[in-house]
Amino acid sequence: MKLNIKYDINRAAKVVLQEKMDELGIKYDLNGLGEIEVDGSFTPDQYKALASAINKYGIEIIDNPKNALVQKIKEVIIDLVYSDSKLPDSKISAYIADKMNLSYSYIAKIFAEVTYTSIENFMILQRIERVKKLIVDEKLTCTEVAWKMNYSSVAHLSNQFKKTTGLSPTVFQRIIERRSKPELSE
């Protein structure tokens, strides 16, 4: 039997963190954007135990400030791309700078230094992943997806999709439809 599931990775990570922090008796506040504010002292043994406990879930403690900043930038972008509402009409750079409370030039420089790619490229990859989900999960048309993801036109969406995936959105839809149909026995 096959079960199809839907999950919220952010919520799952928060639950894991809460459970492990509670198990270790660490007083904390989850601040969102990948931050935990620890109340009081935090022993090296607690730190090691927490790092070990969460590592098996693919969660790691980021010690480098630049890497932590990049992770926050990624989370801002992912939250924006995966929000239920339409992407904003304003410049994404201004949105990110406002959310991070830092200048965009500084954010872009650190992001490129750590990831060897630009924020714009990361944003495009996230948008295309969201487009795939909208096509597969919500069965939206290219016109609906272009509107929801704030592309200037369906042609712009199609060009960016093809440049990123090697397929047009229509071909991608057909492949998904064929895979979801049960094979006919001869």
N, C-alpha and C. Protein backbone atom coordinates (compact mmCIF):
# COMPACT_ATOMS: atom_id res chain seq x y z
N MET A 1 0.85 -1.17 0.00
CA MET A 1 0.00 0.00 0.00
C MET A 1 0.89 1.24 0.00
N LYS A 2 0.51 2.23 -0.77
CA LYS A 2 1.25 3.48 -0.85
C LYS A 2 0.43 4.57 -0.17
N LEU A 3 1.09 5.33 0.69
CA LEU A 3 0.45 6.48 1.34
C LEU A 3 1.07 7.75 0.79
N ASN A 4 0.25 8.68 0.37
CA ASN A 4 0.74 9.99 -0.04
C ASN A 4 0.58 10.92 1.15
N ILE A 5 1.64 11.65 1.47
CA ILE A 5 1.57 12.54 2.62
C ILE A 5 1.95 13.95 2.23
N LYS A 6 1.49 14.87 3.03
CA LYS A 6 1.85 16.27 2.88
C LYS A 6 2.39 16.70 4.24
N TYR A 7 3.47 17.40 4.25
CA TYR A 7 4.04 17.81 5.52
C TYR A 7 4.61 19.22 5.42
N ASP A 8 4.71 19.86 6.56
CA ASP A 8 5.30 21.18 6.68
C ASP A 8 6.66 20.99 7.34
N ILE A 9 7.71 21.10 6.56
CA ILE A 9 9.05 20.83 7.06
C ILE A 9 9.44 21.79 8.17
N ASN A 10 9.00 23.03 8.09
CA ASN A 10 9.33 24.00 9.14
C ASN A 10 8.68 23.61 10.47
N ARG A 11 7.43 23.21 10.41
CA ARG A 11 6.74 22.80 11.63
C ARG A 11 7.37 21.54 12.21
N ALA A 12 7.73 20.60 11.34
CA ALA A 12 8.37 19.36 11.80
C ALA A 12 9.69 19.67 12.50
N ALA A 13 10.48 20.56 11.92
CA ALA A 13 11.77 20.92 12.53
C ALA A 13 11.55 21.60 13.88
N LYS A 14 10.55 22.47 13.98
CA LYS A 14 10.28 23.14 15.26
C LYS A 14 9.88 22.13 16.33
N VAL A 15 9.06 21.16 15.96
CA VAL A 15 8.64 20.14 16.93
C VAL A 15 9.84 19.33 17.41
N VAL A 16 10.70 18.93 16.48
CA VAL A 16 11.90 18.18 16.86
C VAL A 16 12.76 19.00 17.81
N LEU A 17 12.98 20.27 17.47
CA LEU A 17 13.80 21.13 18.32
C LEU A 17 13.18 21.29 19.72
N GLN A 18 11.86 21.52 19.76
CA GLN A 18 11.19 21.67 21.06
C GLN A 18 11.34 20.41 21.89
N GLU A 19 11.12 19.25 21.28
CA GLU A 19 11.23 17.99 22.02
C GLU A 19 12.64 17.78 22.56
N LYS A 20 13.64 18.02 21.74
CA LYS A 20 15.02 17.78 22.16
C LYS A 20 15.46 18.79 23.21
N MET A 21 15.07 20.03 23.07
CA MET A 21 15.41 21.05 24.08
C MET A 21 14.76 20.71 25.41
N ASP A 22 13.50 20.29 25.35
CA ASP A 22 12.78 19.91 26.58
C ASP A 22 13.43 18.68 27.23
N GLU A 23 13.79 17.68 26.42
CA GLU A 23 14.43 16.47 26.95
C GLU A 23 15.74 16.80 27.67
N LEU A 24 16.46 17.80 27.15
CA LEU A 24 17.75 18.16 27.75
C LEU A 24 17.60 19.18 28.88
N GLY A 25 16.36 19.61 29.14
CA GLY A 25 16.11 20.56 30.22
C GLY A 25 16.65 21.95 29.95
N ILE A 26 16.70 22.33 28.70
CA ILE A 26 17.21 23.65 28.32
C ILE A 26 16.02 24.59 28.17
N LYS A 27 16.08 25.73 28.85
CA LYS A 27 15.03 26.74 28.71
C LYS A 27 15.34 27.58 27.47
N TYR A 28 14.31 27.82 26.67
CA TYR A 28 14.54 28.44 25.37
C TYR A 28 13.28 29.15 24.88
N ASP A 29 13.46 29.94 23.82
CA ASP A 29 12.39 30.52 23.03
C ASP A 29 12.75 30.32 21.57
N LEU A 30 11.82 29.79 20.78
CA LEU A 30 12.03 29.67 19.34
C LEU A 30 11.66 31.02 18.73
N ASN A 31 12.62 31.66 18.08
CA ASN A 31 12.40 32.99 17.52
C ASN A 31 11.94 32.96 16.07
N GLY A 32 11.91 31.81 15.47
CA GLY A 32 11.61 31.75 14.04
C GLY A 32 12.88 32.07 13.27
N LEU A 33 12.81 31.98 11.96
CA LEU A 33 13.96 32.21 11.10
C LEU A 33 15.20 31.47 11.59
N GLY A 34 15.01 30.26 12.12
CA GLY A 34 16.13 29.42 12.48
C GLY A 34 16.91 29.87 13.70
N GLU A 35 16.26 30.55 14.62
CA GLU A 35 16.95 31.01 15.82
C GLU A 35 16.28 30.47 17.07
N ILE A 36 17.12 30.08 18.02
CA ILE A 36 16.64 29.69 19.34
C ILE A 36 17.36 30.57 20.35
N GLU A 37 16.60 31.23 21.18
CA GLU A 37 17.16 32.04 22.25
C GLU A 37 17.20 31.17 23.49
N VAL A 38 18.42 30.89 23.98
CA VAL A 38 18.59 30.04 25.15
C VAL A 38 18.57 30.91 26.40
N ASP A 39 17.71 30.55 27.35
CA ASP A 39 17.63 31.28 28.63
C ASP A 39 18.65 30.69 29.60
N GLY A 40 19.46 31.54 30.18
CA GLY A 40 20.40 31.07 31.19
C GLY A 40 21.61 30.41 30.59
N SER A 41 22.20 29.51 31.37
CA SER A 41 23.44 28.87 30.94
C SER A 41 23.17 27.67 30.04
N PHE A 42 24.16 27.40 29.23
CA PHE A 42 24.09 26.33 28.25
C PHE A 42 25.45 25.64 28.30
N THR A 43 25.50 24.48 28.93
CA THR A 43 26.79 23.82 29.15
C THR A 43 27.30 23.20 27.85
N PRO A 44 28.62 23.00 27.76
CA PRO A 44 29.18 22.34 26.57
C PRO A 44 28.59 20.93 26.38
N ASP A 45 28.30 20.24 27.48
CA ASP A 45 27.70 18.90 27.35
C ASP A 45 26.29 18.98 26.76
N GLN A 46 25.51 19.98 27.19
CA GLN A 46 24.17 20.17 26.64
C GLN A 46 24.27 20.51 25.15
N TYR A 47 25.22 21.36 24.81
CA TYR A 47 25.44 21.74 23.42
C TYR A 47 25.74 20.51 22.56
N LYS A 48 26.67 19.68 23.02
CA LYS A 48 27.03 18.46 22.29
C LYS A 48 25.84 17.51 22.17
N ALA A 49 25.11 17.34 23.27
CA ALA A 49 23.96 16.44 23.27
C ALA A 49 22.88 16.94 22.31
N LEU A 50 22.63 18.25 22.32
CA LEU A 50 21.63 18.82 21.42
C LEU A 50 22.07 18.65 19.97
N ALA A 51 23.32 19.01 19.68
CA ALA A 51 23.84 18.89 18.31
C ALA A 51 23.72 17.46 17.81
N SER A 52 24.05 16.50 18.65
CA SER A 52 23.97 15.09 18.28
C SER A 52 22.52 14.65 18.08
N ALA A 53 21.64 15.08 18.97
CA ALA A 53 20.23 14.66 18.92
C ALA A 53 19.52 15.19 17.68
N ILE A 54 19.81 16.42 17.29
CA ILE A 54 19.10 17.01 16.14
C ILE A 54 19.77 16.67 14.81
N ASN A 55 21.03 16.29 14.85
CA ASN A 55 21.75 15.99 13.62
C ASN A 55 21.12 14.82 12.87
N LYS A 56 20.59 13.84 13.58
CA LYS A 56 19.99 12.69 12.89
C LYS A 56 18.71 13.06 12.14
N TYR A 57 18.17 14.25 12.42
CA TYR A 57 16.98 14.76 11.70
C TYR A 57 17.38 15.72 10.58
N GLY A 58 18.68 15.85 10.36
CA GLY A 58 19.15 16.77 9.32
C GLY A 58 19.17 18.22 9.76
N ILE A 59 19.14 18.45 11.06
CA ILE A 59 19.17 19.80 11.61
C ILE A 59 20.55 20.00 12.25
N GLU A 60 21.16 21.11 11.96
CA GLU A 60 22.47 21.35 12.56
C GLU A 60 22.56 22.75 13.14
N ILE A 61 23.40 22.88 14.13
CA ILE A 61 23.65 24.18 14.75
C ILE A 61 24.69 24.89 13.88
N ILE A 62 24.42 26.13 13.53
CA ILE A 62 25.32 26.91 12.69
C ILE A 62 26.13 27.83 13.59
N ASP A 63 27.45 27.61 13.61
CA ASP A 63 28.32 28.41 14.46
C ASP A 63 28.88 29.64 13.75
N ASN A 64 29.01 29.57 12.44
CA ASN A 64 29.58 30.67 11.67
C ASN A 64 28.52 31.74 11.43
N PRO A 65 28.76 32.99 11.83
CA PRO A 65 27.75 34.06 11.66
C PRO A 65 27.34 34.29 10.20
N LYS A 66 28.29 34.17 9.27
CA LYS A 66 27.94 34.37 7.86
C LYS A 66 27.01 33.25 7.38
N ASN A 67 27.30 32.02 7.78
CA ASN A 67 26.43 30.90 7.40
C ASN A 67 25.05 31.06 8.02
N ALA A 68 25.01 31.56 9.25
CA ALA A 68 23.72 31.79 9.91
C ALA A 68 22.92 32.86 9.15
N LEU A 69 23.59 33.91 8.72
CA LEU A 69 22.92 34.96 7.95
C LEU A 69 22.37 34.42 6.64
N VAL A 70 23.18 33.61 5.95
CA VAL A 70 22.74 33.01 4.68
C VAL A 70 21.53 32.11 4.91
N GLN A 71 21.54 31.35 5.99
CA GLN A 71 20.40 30.48 6.29
C GLN A 71 19.14 31.31 6.51
N LYS A 72 19.28 32.43 7.20
CA LYS A 72 18.11 33.32 7.42
C LYS A 72 17.61 33.89 6.11
N ILE A 73 18.52 34.27 5.23
CA ILE A 73 18.13 34.79 3.92
C ILE A 73 17.36 33.73 3.16
N LYS A 74 17.87 32.50 3.16
CA LYS A 74 17.18 31.40 2.47
C LYS A 74 15.79 31.19 3.06
N GLU A 75 15.67 31.25 4.35
CA GLU A 75 14.37 31.04 4.99
C GLU A 75 13.39 32.17 4.65
N VAL A 76 13.87 33.41 4.56
CA VAL A 76 13.01 34.52 4.16
C VAL A 76 12.50 34.29 2.74
N ILE A 77 13.39 33.86 1.85
CA ILE A 77 13.01 33.61 0.45
C ILE A 77 12.02 32.45 0.37
N ILE A 78 12.30 31.37 1.07
CA ILE A 78 11.43 30.20 1.03
C ILE A 78 10.06 30.54 1.61
N ASP A 79 10.03 31.27 2.72
CA ASP A 79 8.74 31.69 3.30
C ASP A 79 7.96 32.55 2.31
N LEU A 80 8.66 33.43 1.61
CA LEU A 80 8.01 34.29 0.63
C LEU A 80 7.45 33.46 -0.53
N VAL A 81 8.27 32.59 -1.08
CA VAL A 81 7.87 31.80 -2.25
C VAL A 81 6.74 30.83 -1.92
N TYR A 82 6.75 30.27 -0.72
CA TYR A 82 5.75 29.27 -0.36
C TYR A 82 4.58 29.83 0.44
N SER A 83 4.48 31.16 0.53
CA SER A 83 3.32 31.72 1.23
C SER A 83 2.07 31.45 0.39
N ASP A 84 0.94 31.41 1.06
CA ASP A 84 -0.30 31.10 0.35
C ASP A 84 -0.79 32.24 -0.52
N SER A 85 -0.32 33.44 -0.25
CA SER A 85 -0.76 34.58 -1.05
C SER A 85 0.14 34.76 -2.26
N LYS A 86 -0.30 35.61 -3.15
CA LYS A 86 0.45 35.93 -4.36
C LYS A 86 1.76 36.61 -3.96
N LEU A 87 2.82 36.34 -4.72
CA LEU A 87 4.09 37.02 -4.44
C LEU A 87 3.90 38.53 -4.59
N PRO A 88 4.61 39.32 -3.79
CA PRO A 88 4.42 40.77 -3.85
C PRO A 88 4.89 41.37 -5.17
N ASP A 89 4.30 42.50 -5.52
CA ASP A 89 4.69 43.21 -6.74
C ASP A 89 5.97 44.01 -6.53
N SER A 90 6.29 44.30 -5.27
CA SER A 90 7.48 45.10 -4.98
C SER A 90 8.74 44.32 -5.31
N LYS A 91 9.84 45.03 -5.35
CA LYS A 91 11.13 44.38 -5.63
C LYS A 91 11.45 43.40 -4.51
N ILE A 92 11.86 42.22 -4.90
CA ILE A 92 12.22 41.18 -3.95
C ILE A 92 13.41 41.63 -3.10
N SER A 93 14.34 42.34 -3.73
CA SER A 93 15.52 42.81 -3.00
C SER A 93 15.11 43.72 -1.84
N ALA A 94 14.16 44.60 -2.07
CA ALA A 94 13.69 45.50 -1.01
C ALA A 94 12.97 44.70 0.08
N TYR A 95 12.19 43.71 -0.33
CA TYR A 95 11.48 42.86 0.63
C TYR A 95 12.47 42.13 1.55
N ILE A 96 13.49 41.52 0.95
CA ILE A 96 14.48 40.76 1.73
C ILE A 96 15.25 41.70 2.66
N ALA A 97 15.70 42.82 2.13
CA ALA A 97 16.45 43.78 2.95
C ALA A 97 15.61 44.26 4.13
N ASP A 98 14.33 44.50 3.88
CA ASP A 98 13.43 44.95 4.95
C ASP A 98 13.25 43.85 6.00
N LYS A 99 13.05 42.62 5.56
CA LYS A 99 12.87 41.49 6.49
C LYS A 99 14.13 41.24 7.32
N MET A 100 15.29 41.41 6.71
CA MET A 100 16.55 41.14 7.38
C MET A 100 17.05 42.35 8.16
N ASN A 101 16.47 43.52 7.86
CA ASN A 101 16.88 44.77 8.50
C ASN A 101 18.37 45.07 8.22
N LEU A 102 18.79 44.75 6.99
CA LEU A 102 20.15 44.99 6.54
C LEU A 102 20.10 45.51 5.10
N SER A 103 21.18 46.12 4.65
CA SER A 103 21.19 46.60 3.26
C SER A 103 21.27 45.40 2.32
N TYR A 104 20.61 45.54 1.18
CA TYR A 104 20.59 44.44 0.23
C TYR A 104 21.98 44.17 -0.33
N SER A 105 22.77 45.20 -0.55
CA SER A 105 24.12 44.97 -1.10
C SER A 105 24.96 44.12 -0.15
N TYR A 106 24.84 44.37 1.16
CA TYR A 106 25.56 43.58 2.15
C TYR A 106 25.06 42.13 2.14
N ILE A 107 23.75 41.97 2.14
CA ILE A 107 23.14 40.64 2.14
C ILE A 107 23.58 39.86 0.89
N ALA A 108 23.51 40.51 -0.27
CA ALA A 108 23.86 39.86 -1.53
C ALA A 108 25.34 39.45 -1.55
N LYS A 109 26.20 40.31 -1.00
CA LYS A 109 27.64 40.02 -0.97
C LYS A 109 27.92 38.79 -0.10
N ILE A 110 27.35 38.75 1.09
CA ILE A 110 27.57 37.62 2.00
C ILE A 110 26.99 36.34 1.40
N PHE A 111 25.80 36.44 0.83
CA PHE A 111 25.15 35.27 0.23
C PHE A 111 26.03 34.68 -0.87
N ALA A 112 26.52 35.52 -1.76
CA ALA A 112 27.36 35.05 -2.87
C ALA A 112 28.68 34.48 -2.35
N GLU A 113 29.23 35.11 -1.34
CA GLU A 113 30.50 34.66 -0.76
C GLU A 113 30.37 33.25 -0.17
N VAL A 114 29.25 32.98 0.49
CA VAL A 114 29.07 31.69 1.17
C VAL A 114 28.56 30.61 0.22
N THR A 115 27.64 30.96 -0.67
CA THR A 115 26.98 29.94 -1.51
C THR A 115 27.54 29.83 -2.92
N TYR A 116 28.35 30.80 -3.35
CA TYR A 116 28.90 30.84 -4.71
C TYR A 116 27.81 30.99 -5.76
N THR A 117 26.69 31.55 -5.38
CA THR A 117 25.63 31.88 -6.32
C THR A 117 24.95 33.15 -5.81
N SER A 118 24.09 33.70 -6.62
CA SER A 118 23.42 34.94 -6.24
C SER A 118 22.07 34.65 -5.58
N ILE A 119 21.58 35.64 -4.88
CA ILE A 119 20.24 35.55 -4.29
C ILE A 119 19.23 35.37 -5.42
N GLU A 120 19.43 36.05 -6.52
CA GLU A 120 18.51 35.96 -7.65
C GLU A 120 18.42 34.53 -8.17
N ASN A 121 19.57 33.86 -8.31
CA ASN A 121 19.56 32.47 -8.78
C ASN A 121 18.85 31.56 -7.78
N PHE A 122 19.12 31.77 -6.49
CA PHE A 122 18.44 30.97 -5.46
C PHE A 122 16.94 31.20 -5.53
N MET A 123 16.55 32.45 -5.70
CA MET A 123 15.12 32.80 -5.78
C MET A 123 14.47 32.12 -6.99
N ILE A 124 15.15 32.13 -8.13
CA ILE A 124 14.62 31.48 -9.33
C ILE A 124 14.42 29.99 -9.08
N LEU A 125 15.40 29.33 -8.49
CA LEU A 125 15.28 27.90 -8.20
C LEU A 125 14.11 27.61 -7.27
N GLN A 126 13.93 28.44 -6.26
CA GLN A 126 12.82 28.24 -5.32
C GLN A 126 11.48 28.48 -6.01
N ARG A 127 11.42 29.51 -6.85
CA ARG A 127 10.16 29.79 -7.57
C ARG A 127 9.80 28.63 -8.48
N ILE A 128 10.79 28.09 -9.19
CA ILE A 128 10.52 26.97 -10.11
C ILE A 128 10.08 25.74 -9.33
N GLU A 129 10.68 25.48 -8.18
CA GLU A 129 10.23 24.35 -7.35
C GLU A 129 8.78 24.56 -6.91
N ARG A 130 8.43 25.80 -6.56
CA ARG A 130 7.04 26.09 -6.17
C ARG A 130 6.11 25.94 -7.36
N VAL A 131 6.55 26.37 -8.52
CA VAL A 131 5.75 26.21 -9.74
C VAL A 131 5.45 24.73 -9.97
N LYS A 132 6.45 23.89 -9.82
CA LYS A 132 6.24 22.44 -9.97
C LYS A 132 5.17 21.95 -9.01
N LYS A 133 5.25 22.38 -7.76
CA LYS A 133 4.26 21.95 -6.76
C LYS A 133 2.86 22.44 -7.13
N LEU A 134 2.76 23.66 -7.60
CA LEU A 134 1.45 24.20 -7.99
C LEU A 134 0.86 23.42 -9.17
N ILE A 135 1.72 23.03 -10.10
CA ILE A 135 1.26 22.26 -11.25
C ILE A 135 0.84 20.86 -10.82
N VAL A 136 1.66 20.21 -9.98
CA VAL A 136 1.42 18.82 -9.59
C VAL A 136 0.33 18.72 -8.53
N ASP A 137 0.47 19.46 -7.43
CA ASP A 137 -0.43 19.32 -6.29
C ASP A 137 -1.76 20.04 -6.45
N GLU A 138 -1.68 21.25 -7.00
CA GLU A 138 -2.91 22.05 -7.08
C GLU A 138 -3.53 22.05 -8.47
N LYS A 139 -2.84 21.41 -9.42
CA LYS A 139 -3.35 21.28 -10.80
C LYS A 139 -3.69 22.63 -11.43
N LEU A 140 -2.87 23.65 -11.13
CA LEU A 140 -3.11 24.97 -11.69
C LEU A 140 -2.62 25.04 -13.13
N THR A 141 -3.25 25.89 -13.91
CA THR A 141 -2.80 26.11 -15.28
C THR A 141 -1.59 27.04 -15.25
N CYS A 142 -0.89 27.12 -16.37
CA CYS A 142 0.28 27.99 -16.45
C CYS A 142 -0.12 29.46 -16.23
N THR A 143 -1.27 29.85 -16.70
CA THR A 143 -1.75 31.22 -16.49
C THR A 143 -1.96 31.48 -15.01
N GLU A 144 -2.60 30.54 -14.32
CA GLU A 144 -2.83 30.69 -12.88
C GLU A 144 -1.53 30.72 -12.10
N VAL A 145 -0.60 29.86 -12.50
CA VAL A 145 0.70 29.81 -11.83
C VAL A 145 1.46 31.11 -12.06
N ALA A 146 1.47 31.59 -13.30
CA ALA A 146 2.17 32.84 -13.61
C ALA A 146 1.63 33.98 -12.77
N TRP A 147 0.30 34.05 -12.61
CA TRP A 147 -0.29 35.11 -11.80
C TRP A 147 0.10 34.95 -10.33
N LYS A 148 -0.05 33.75 -9.81
CA LYS A 148 0.23 33.50 -8.39
C LYS A 148 1.69 33.75 -8.04
N MET A 149 2.59 33.40 -8.94
CA MET A 149 4.02 33.54 -8.69
C MET A 149 4.56 34.88 -9.19
N ASN A 150 3.65 35.75 -9.64
CA ASN A 150 3.97 37.12 -10.05
C ASN A 150 4.97 37.20 -11.20
N TYR A 151 4.81 36.31 -12.17
CA TYR A 151 5.59 36.43 -13.40
C TYR A 151 4.92 37.47 -14.27
N SER A 152 5.69 38.18 -15.06
CA SER A 152 5.13 39.24 -15.90
C SER A 152 4.23 38.67 -16.99
N SER A 153 4.48 37.41 -17.37
CA SER A 153 3.66 36.77 -18.40
C SER A 153 3.86 35.25 -18.33
N VAL A 154 2.98 34.54 -19.01
CA VAL A 154 3.12 33.09 -19.09
C VAL A 154 4.39 32.75 -19.87
N ALA A 155 4.72 33.56 -20.86
CA ALA A 155 5.94 33.32 -21.65
C ALA A 155 7.18 33.44 -20.75
N HIS A 156 7.19 34.43 -19.86
CA HIS A 156 8.32 34.59 -18.93
C HIS A 156 8.45 33.36 -18.03
N LEU A 157 7.33 32.91 -17.49
CA LEU A 157 7.32 31.70 -16.67
C LEU A 157 7.85 30.51 -17.47
N SER A 158 7.33 30.33 -18.68
CA SER A 158 7.73 29.19 -19.52
C SER A 158 9.21 29.22 -19.83
N ASN A 159 9.72 30.40 -20.17
CA ASN A 159 11.15 30.53 -20.50
C ASN A 159 12.01 30.21 -19.29
N GLN A 160 11.66 30.75 -18.13
CA GLN A 160 12.45 30.50 -16.93
C GLN A 160 12.36 29.03 -16.51
N PHE A 161 11.18 28.44 -16.63
CA PHE A 161 10.97 27.04 -16.29
C PHE A 161 11.85 26.16 -17.19
N LYS A 162 11.80 26.43 -18.50
CA LYS A 162 12.57 25.61 -19.45
C LYS A 162 14.07 25.79 -19.24
N LYS A 163 14.50 27.02 -18.99
CA LYS A 163 15.92 27.29 -18.76
C LYS A 163 16.42 26.56 -17.52
N THR A 164 15.57 26.44 -16.51
CA THR A 164 15.96 25.82 -15.24
C THR A 164 15.85 24.30 -15.28
N THR A 165 14.78 23.78 -15.88
CA THR A 165 14.51 22.34 -15.82
C THR A 165 14.83 21.60 -17.13
N GLY A 166 14.90 22.33 -18.22
CA GLY A 166 15.10 21.69 -19.52
C GLY A 166 13.80 21.27 -20.17
N LEU A 167 12.69 21.50 -19.48
CA LEU A 167 11.35 21.16 -20.00
C LEU A 167 10.46 22.38 -19.96
N SER A 168 9.49 22.41 -20.86
CA SER A 168 8.48 23.46 -20.76
C SER A 168 7.48 23.04 -19.69
N PRO A 169 6.75 23.98 -19.11
CA PRO A 169 5.74 23.59 -18.11
C PRO A 169 4.71 22.61 -18.67
N THR A 170 4.36 22.76 -19.92
CA THR A 170 3.37 21.87 -20.54
C THR A 170 3.90 20.44 -20.64
N VAL A 171 5.14 20.29 -21.06
CA VAL A 171 5.75 18.96 -21.14
C VAL A 171 5.84 18.36 -19.73
N PHE A 172 6.24 19.19 -18.76
CA PHE A 172 6.31 18.73 -17.37
C PHE A 172 4.94 18.22 -16.91
N GLN A 173 3.87 18.99 -17.20
CA GLN A 173 2.51 18.57 -16.84
C GLN A 173 2.17 17.22 -17.46
N ARG A 174 2.49 17.04 -18.74
CA ARG A 174 2.18 15.78 -19.43
C ARG A 174 2.91 14.60 -18.79
N ILE A 175 4.18 14.80 -18.45
CA ILE A 175 4.96 13.74 -17.82
C ILE A 175 4.33 13.35 -16.49
N ILE A 176 3.95 14.33 -15.70
CA ILE A 176 3.33 14.07 -14.39
C ILE A 176 1.99 13.34 -14.57
N GLU A 177 1.20 13.77 -15.55
CA GLU A 177 -0.09 13.12 -15.81
C GLU A 177 0.10 11.66 -16.20
N ARG A 178 1.08 11.39 -17.05
CA ARG A 178 1.34 10.02 -17.49
C ARG A 178 1.79 9.14 -16.32
N ARG A 179 2.61 9.70 -15.45
CA ARG A 179 3.10 8.94 -14.30
C ARG A 179 2.00 8.65 -13.30
N SER A 180 1.03 9.54 -13.22
CA SER A 180 -0.03 9.35 -12.21
C SER A 180 -1.11 8.40 -12.69
N LYS A 181 -1.19 8.14 -13.99
CA LYS A 181 -2.19 7.20 -14.50
C LYS A 181 -1.69 5.78 -14.31
N PRO A 182 -2.56 4.89 -13.82
CA PRO A 182 -2.14 3.48 -13.68
C PRO A 182 -1.90 2.88 -15.07
N GLU A 183 -0.86 2.09 -15.16
CA GLU A 183 -0.55 1.46 -16.44
C GLU A 183 -1.62 0.43 -16.78
N LEU A 184 -1.99 0.42 -18.05
CA LEU A 184 -2.98 -0.55 -18.52
C LEU A 184 -2.28 -1.88 -18.77
N SER A 185 -2.87 -2.93 -18.26
CA SER A 185 -2.27 -4.26 -18.51
C SER A 185 -2.71 -4.74 -19.89
N GLU A 186 -1.82 -5.44 -20.52
CA GLU A 186 -2.11 -5.90 -21.89
C GLU A 186 -2.94 -7.15 -21.89
